[in-house]
Amino acid sequence: MSAVGAGGRLGTALRYRRSRKNAGSTRSMTNGTACRLRAVRLLHTAVWAVFAGCIVAIPVLAWQERFGVAAILAVLVLGEVVVLWLNQWSCPLTSIAARYTDDRRANFDIYLPEWLARYNKQIFGPLYVVGVVYLAVMYLCAG
């Protein structure tokens, strides 16, 4: 094998690797931009975790007959639903993260697996509705 042939393949492999590393983003990121994007992603992930936790907790609290706390969580999540609705079903943090990258994968703005970020509303929307219905039924049956 000639040095040129090996170098040619190596050069191609390195170019491919560099292009894959930056896939999805054509904007070069400065340290400040990358830091801001990380901060938005961390905040978005924390906010998501709080609301996901609330949605999971609502039926658990209803089962424990802790109706007041469950109702507070249900209203808190309803507030988030209103914010999403007013923002065309998109989190306001998504538009902030979009300022710092050209990447538009489902999870570009949050530290979640791409499949979960993509189907988040389809998963947690029904869980929320079922949890609130369960809360109402448990409350009415407890009286």
C-alpha atoms as a PDB file:
ATOM      1  CA  MET A   1       0.000   0.000   0.000  1.00  0.00           C
ATOM      2  CA  SER A   2       1.411   3.383  -0.904  1.00  0.00           C
ATOM      3  CA  ALA A   3       1.707   6.268   1.531  1.00  0.00           C
ATOM      4  CA  VAL A   4      -0.449   8.386  -0.760  1.00  0.00           C
ATOM      5  CA  GLY A   5      -3.223   5.790  -0.785  1.00  0.00           C
ATOM      6  CA  ALA A   6      -3.173   5.431   2.989  1.00  0.00           C
ATOM      7  CA  GLY A   7      -2.952   9.192   3.483  1.00  0.00           C
ATOM      8  CA  GLY A   8      -5.823   9.713   1.083  1.00  0.00           C
ATOM      9  CA  ARG A   9      -8.041   7.330   3.020  1.00  0.00           C
ATOM     10  CA  LEU A  10      -6.926   8.814   6.324  1.00  0.00           C
ATOM     11  CA  GLY A  11      -7.641  12.328   5.091  1.00  0.00           C
ATOM     12  CA  THR A  12     -11.088  11.259   3.914  1.00  0.00           C
ATOM     13  CA  ALA A  13     -11.791   9.587   7.259  1.00  0.00           C
ATOM     14  CA  LEU A  14     -10.711  12.693   9.182  1.00  0.00           C
ATOM     15  CA  ARG A  15     -12.847  14.976   7.007  1.00  0.00           C
ATOM     16  CA  TYR A  16     -15.831  12.643   7.485  1.00  0.00           C
ATOM     17  CA  ARG A  17     -15.273  12.592  11.235  1.00  0.00           C
ATOM     18  CA  ARG A  18     -15.107  16.388  11.424  1.00  0.00           C
ATOM     19  CA  SER A  19     -18.235  16.762   9.306  1.00  0.00           C
ATOM     20  CA  ARG A  20     -20.144  14.267  11.511  1.00  0.00           C
ATOM     21  CA  LYS A  21     -18.997  16.074  14.651  1.00  0.00           C
ATOM     22  CA  ASN A  22     -20.642  19.279  13.439  1.00  0.00           C
ATOM     23  CA  ALA A  23     -23.679  17.634  11.836  1.00  0.00           C
ATOM     24  CA  GLY A  24     -26.859  19.596  12.358  1.00  0.00           C
ATOM     25  CA  SER A  25     -25.080  22.866  13.095  1.00  0.00           C
ATOM     26  CA  THR A  26     -23.612  25.175  10.503  1.00  0.00           C
ATOM     27  CA  ARG A  27     -23.013  28.033  12.891  1.00  0.00           C
ATOM     28  CA  SER A  28     -19.626  27.915  14.554  1.00  0.00           C
ATOM     29  CA  MET A  29     -20.032  28.231  18.275  1.00  0.00           C
ATOM     30  CA  THR A  30     -17.921  30.486  20.412  1.00  0.00           C
ATOM     31  CA  ASN A  31     -17.307  29.494  24.003  1.00  0.00           C
ATOM     32  CA  GLY A  32     -19.852  32.077  25.147  1.00  0.00           C
ATOM     33  CA  THR A  33     -22.491  30.825  22.733  1.00  0.00           C
ATOM     34  CA  ALA A  34     -21.900  27.210  23.721  1.00  0.00           C
ATOM     35  CA  CYS A  35     -22.059  28.173  27.396  1.00  0.00           C
ATOM     36  CA  ARG A  36     -25.378  29.997  26.914  1.00  0.00           C
ATOM     37  CA  LEU A  37     -26.842  27.065  24.997  1.00  0.00           C
ATOM     38  CA  ARG A  38     -25.758  24.679  27.765  1.00  0.00           C
ATOM     39  CA  ALA A  39     -27.359  26.967  30.357  1.00  0.00           C
ATOM     40  CA  VAL A  40     -30.655  27.086  28.432  1.00  0.00           C
ATOM     41  CA  ARG A  41     -30.577  23.300  27.940  1.00  0.00           C
ATOM     42  CA  LEU A  42     -29.925  22.738  31.654  1.00  0.00           C
ATOM     43  CA  LEU A  43     -32.729  25.105  32.660  1.00  0.00           C
ATOM     44  CA  HIS A  44     -35.104  23.545  30.124  1.00  0.00           C
ATOM     45  CA  THR A  45     -34.261  20.050  31.379  1.00  0.00           C
ATOM     46  CA  ALA A  46     -34.820  21.099  35.002  1.00  0.00           C
ATOM     47  CA  VAL A  47     -38.177  22.713  34.178  1.00  0.00           C
ATOM     48  CA  TRP A  48     -39.185  19.630  32.181  1.00  0.00           C
ATOM     49  CA  ALA A  49     -38.223  17.360  35.111  1.00  0.00           C
ATOM     50  CA  VAL A  50     -40.355  19.398  37.513  1.00  0.00           C
ATOM     51  CA  PHE A  51     -43.424  19.239  35.267  1.00  0.00           C
ATOM     52  CA  ALA A  52     -42.906  15.574  34.381  1.00  0.00           C
ATOM     53  CA  GLY A  53     -42.589  14.855  38.112  1.00  0.00           C
ATOM     54  CA  CYS A  54     -45.802  16.762  38.794  1.00  0.00           C
ATOM     55  CA  ILE A  55     -47.659  14.777  36.130  1.00  0.00           C
ATOM     56  CA  VAL A  56     -46.449  11.472  37.581  1.00  0.00           C
ATOM     57  CA  ALA A  57     -47.183  12.610  41.145  1.00  0.00           C
ATOM     58  CA  ILE A  58     -50.818  13.654  40.543  1.00  0.00           C
ATOM     59  CA  PRO A  59     -52.340  10.133  40.436  1.00  0.00           C
ATOM     60  CA  VAL A  60     -50.001   8.918  43.196  1.00  0.00           C
ATOM     61  CA  LEU A  61     -51.111  11.740  45.485  1.00  0.00           C
ATOM     62  CA  ALA A  62     -54.755  11.126  44.565  1.00  0.00           C
ATOM     63  CA  TRP A  63     -54.343   7.444  45.480  1.00  0.00           C
ATOM     64  CA  GLN A  64     -52.901   8.563  48.831  1.00  0.00           C
ATOM     65  CA  GLU A  65     -55.937  10.859  49.213  1.00  0.00           C
ATOM     66  CA  ARG A  66     -53.720  13.937  49.340  1.00  0.00           C
ATOM     67  CA  PHE A  67     -56.147  15.822  47.161  1.00  0.00           C
ATOM     68  CA  GLY A  68     -54.999  19.349  47.987  1.00  0.00           C
ATOM     69  CA  VAL A  69     -51.389  18.766  46.936  1.00  0.00           C
ATOM     70  CA  ALA A  70     -52.504  16.847  43.840  1.00  0.00           C
ATOM     71  CA  ALA A  71     -54.847  19.697  42.874  1.00  0.00           C
ATOM     72  CA  ILE A  72     -52.056  22.265  43.300  1.00  0.00           C
ATOM     73  CA  LEU A  73     -49.793  20.225  41.014  1.00  0.00           C
ATOM     74  CA  ALA A  74     -52.618  19.823  38.472  1.00  0.00           C
ATOM     75  CA  VAL A  75     -53.149  23.602  38.390  1.00  0.00           C
ATOM     76  CA  LEU A  76     -49.396  24.188  38.100  1.00  0.00           C
ATOM     77  CA  VAL A  77     -49.215  21.869  35.082  1.00  0.00           C
ATOM     78  CA  LEU A  78     -52.329  23.511  33.633  1.00  0.00           C
ATOM     79  CA  GLY A  79     -50.459  26.818  33.821  1.00  0.00           C
ATOM     80  CA  GLU A  80     -47.639  25.279  31.791  1.00  0.00           C
ATOM     81  CA  VAL A  81     -50.175  23.955  29.266  1.00  0.00           C
ATOM     82  CA  VAL A  82     -51.553  27.495  28.866  1.00  0.00           C
ATOM     83  CA  VAL A  83     -48.012  28.845  28.309  1.00  0.00           C
ATOM     84  CA  LEU A  84     -47.396  26.160  25.667  1.00  0.00           C
ATOM     85  CA  TRP A  85     -50.755  26.872  24.019  1.00  0.00           C
ATOM     86  CA  LEU A  86     -50.050  30.615  23.880  1.00  0.00           C
ATOM     87  CA  ASN A  87     -46.662  29.840  22.317  1.00  0.00           C
ATOM     88  CA  GLN A  88     -48.049  27.583  19.524  1.00  0.00           C
ATOM     89  CA  TRP A  89     -47.333  24.409  21.562  1.00  0.00           C
ATOM     90  CA  SER A  90     -43.651  25.200  21.907  1.00  0.00           C
ATOM     91  CA  CYS A  91     -41.745  25.954  25.095  1.00  0.00           C
ATOM     92  CA  PRO A  92     -40.512  29.559  25.250  1.00  0.00           C
ATOM     93  CA  LEU A  93     -37.062  28.192  26.150  1.00  0.00           C
ATOM     94  CA  THR A  94     -36.919  26.532  22.725  1.00  0.00           C
ATOM     95  CA  SER A  95     -36.894  29.899  20.946  1.00  0.00           C
ATOM     96  CA  ILE A  96     -34.186  31.136  23.329  1.00  0.00           C
ATOM     97  CA  ALA A  97     -32.028  28.051  22.634  1.00  0.00           C
ATOM     98  CA  ALA A  98     -32.585  28.535  18.890  1.00  0.00           C
ATOM     99  CA  ARG A  99     -30.653  31.815  19.078  1.00  0.00           C
ATOM    100  CA  TYR A 100     -27.483  29.894  19.889  1.00  0.00           C
ATOM    101  CA  THR A 101     -27.506  27.050  17.342  1.00  0.00           C
ATOM    102  CA  ASP A 102     -28.764  26.104  13.895  1.00  0.00           C
ATOM    103  CA  ASP A 103     -29.392  22.547  15.090  1.00  0.00           C
ATOM    104  CA  ARG A 104     -33.113  21.734  15.017  1.00  0.00           C
ATOM    105  CA  ARG A 105     -33.212  18.124  16.138  1.00  0.00           C
ATOM    106  CA  ALA A 106     -36.031  17.398  18.570  1.00  0.00           C
ATOM    107  CA  ASN A 107     -33.637  17.588  21.524  1.00  0.00           C
ATOM    108  CA  PHE A 108     -31.414  20.513  20.479  1.00  0.00           C
ATOM    109  CA  ASP A 109     -32.768  22.583  23.363  1.00  0.00           C
ATOM    110  CA  ILE A 110     -33.001  19.995  26.153  1.00  0.00           C
ATOM    111  CA  TYR A 111     -30.968  17.132  27.614  1.00  0.00           C
ATOM    112  CA  LEU A 112     -33.404  14.333  26.759  1.00  0.00           C
ATOM    113  CA  PRO A 113     -33.130  11.415  24.352  1.00  0.00           C
ATOM    114  CA  GLU A 114     -34.302  12.542  20.927  1.00  0.00           C
ATOM    115  CA  TRP A 115     -37.285  10.136  20.892  1.00  0.00           C
ATOM    116  CA  LEU A 116     -38.525  11.483  24.257  1.00  0.00           C
ATOM    117  CA  ALA A 117     -38.101  15.096  23.204  1.00  0.00           C
ATOM    118  CA  ARG A 118     -39.966  14.367  19.959  1.00  0.00           C
ATOM    119  CA  TYR A 119     -42.932  12.576  21.586  1.00  0.00           C
ATOM    120  CA  ASN A 120     -42.984  14.447  24.886  1.00  0.00           C
ATOM    121  CA  LYS A 121     -46.452  15.967  24.449  1.00  0.00           C
ATOM    122  CA  GLN A 122     -47.910  12.703  23.137  1.00  0.00           C
ATOM    123  CA  ILE A 123     -46.602  10.858  26.200  1.00  0.00           C
ATOM    124  CA  PHE A 124     -47.164  13.331  29.019  1.00  0.00           C
ATOM    125  CA  GLY A 125     -50.372  14.931  27.678  1.00  0.00           C
ATOM    126  CA  PRO A 126     -52.465  11.766  28.079  1.00  0.00           C
ATOM    127  CA  LEU A 127     -50.730  10.949  31.384  1.00  0.00           C
ATOM    128  CA  TYR A 128     -51.750  14.373  32.676  1.00  0.00           C
ATOM    129  CA  VAL A 129     -55.368  14.021  31.521  1.00  0.00           C
ATOM    130  CA  VAL A 130     -55.673  10.510  32.985  1.00  0.00           C
ATOM    131  CA  GLY A 131     -54.084  11.715  36.238  1.00  0.00           C
ATOM    132  CA  VAL A 132     -56.493  14.633  36.562  1.00  0.00           C
ATOM    133  CA  VAL A 133     -59.504  12.423  35.788  1.00  0.00           C
ATOM    134  CA  TYR A 134     -58.279   9.903  38.371  1.00  0.00           C
ATOM    135  CA  LEU A 135     -57.849  12.740  40.874  1.00  0.00           C
ATOM    136  CA  ALA A 136     -61.424  13.928  40.258  1.00  0.00           C
ATOM    137  CA  VAL A 137     -62.869  10.412  40.558  1.00  0.00           C
ATOM    138  CA  MET A 138     -60.934   9.677  43.746  1.00  0.00           C
ATOM    139  CA  TYR A 139     -61.987  13.020  45.239  1.00  0.00           C
ATOM    140  CA  LEU A 140     -65.674  12.467  44.425  1.00  0.00           C
ATOM    141  CA  CYS A 141     -65.583   8.892  45.766  1.00  0.00           C
ATOM    142  CA  ALA A 142     -63.838   9.926  48.989  1.00  0.00           C
ATOM    143  CA  GLY A 143     -66.596  12.331  49.999  1.00  0.00           C
END
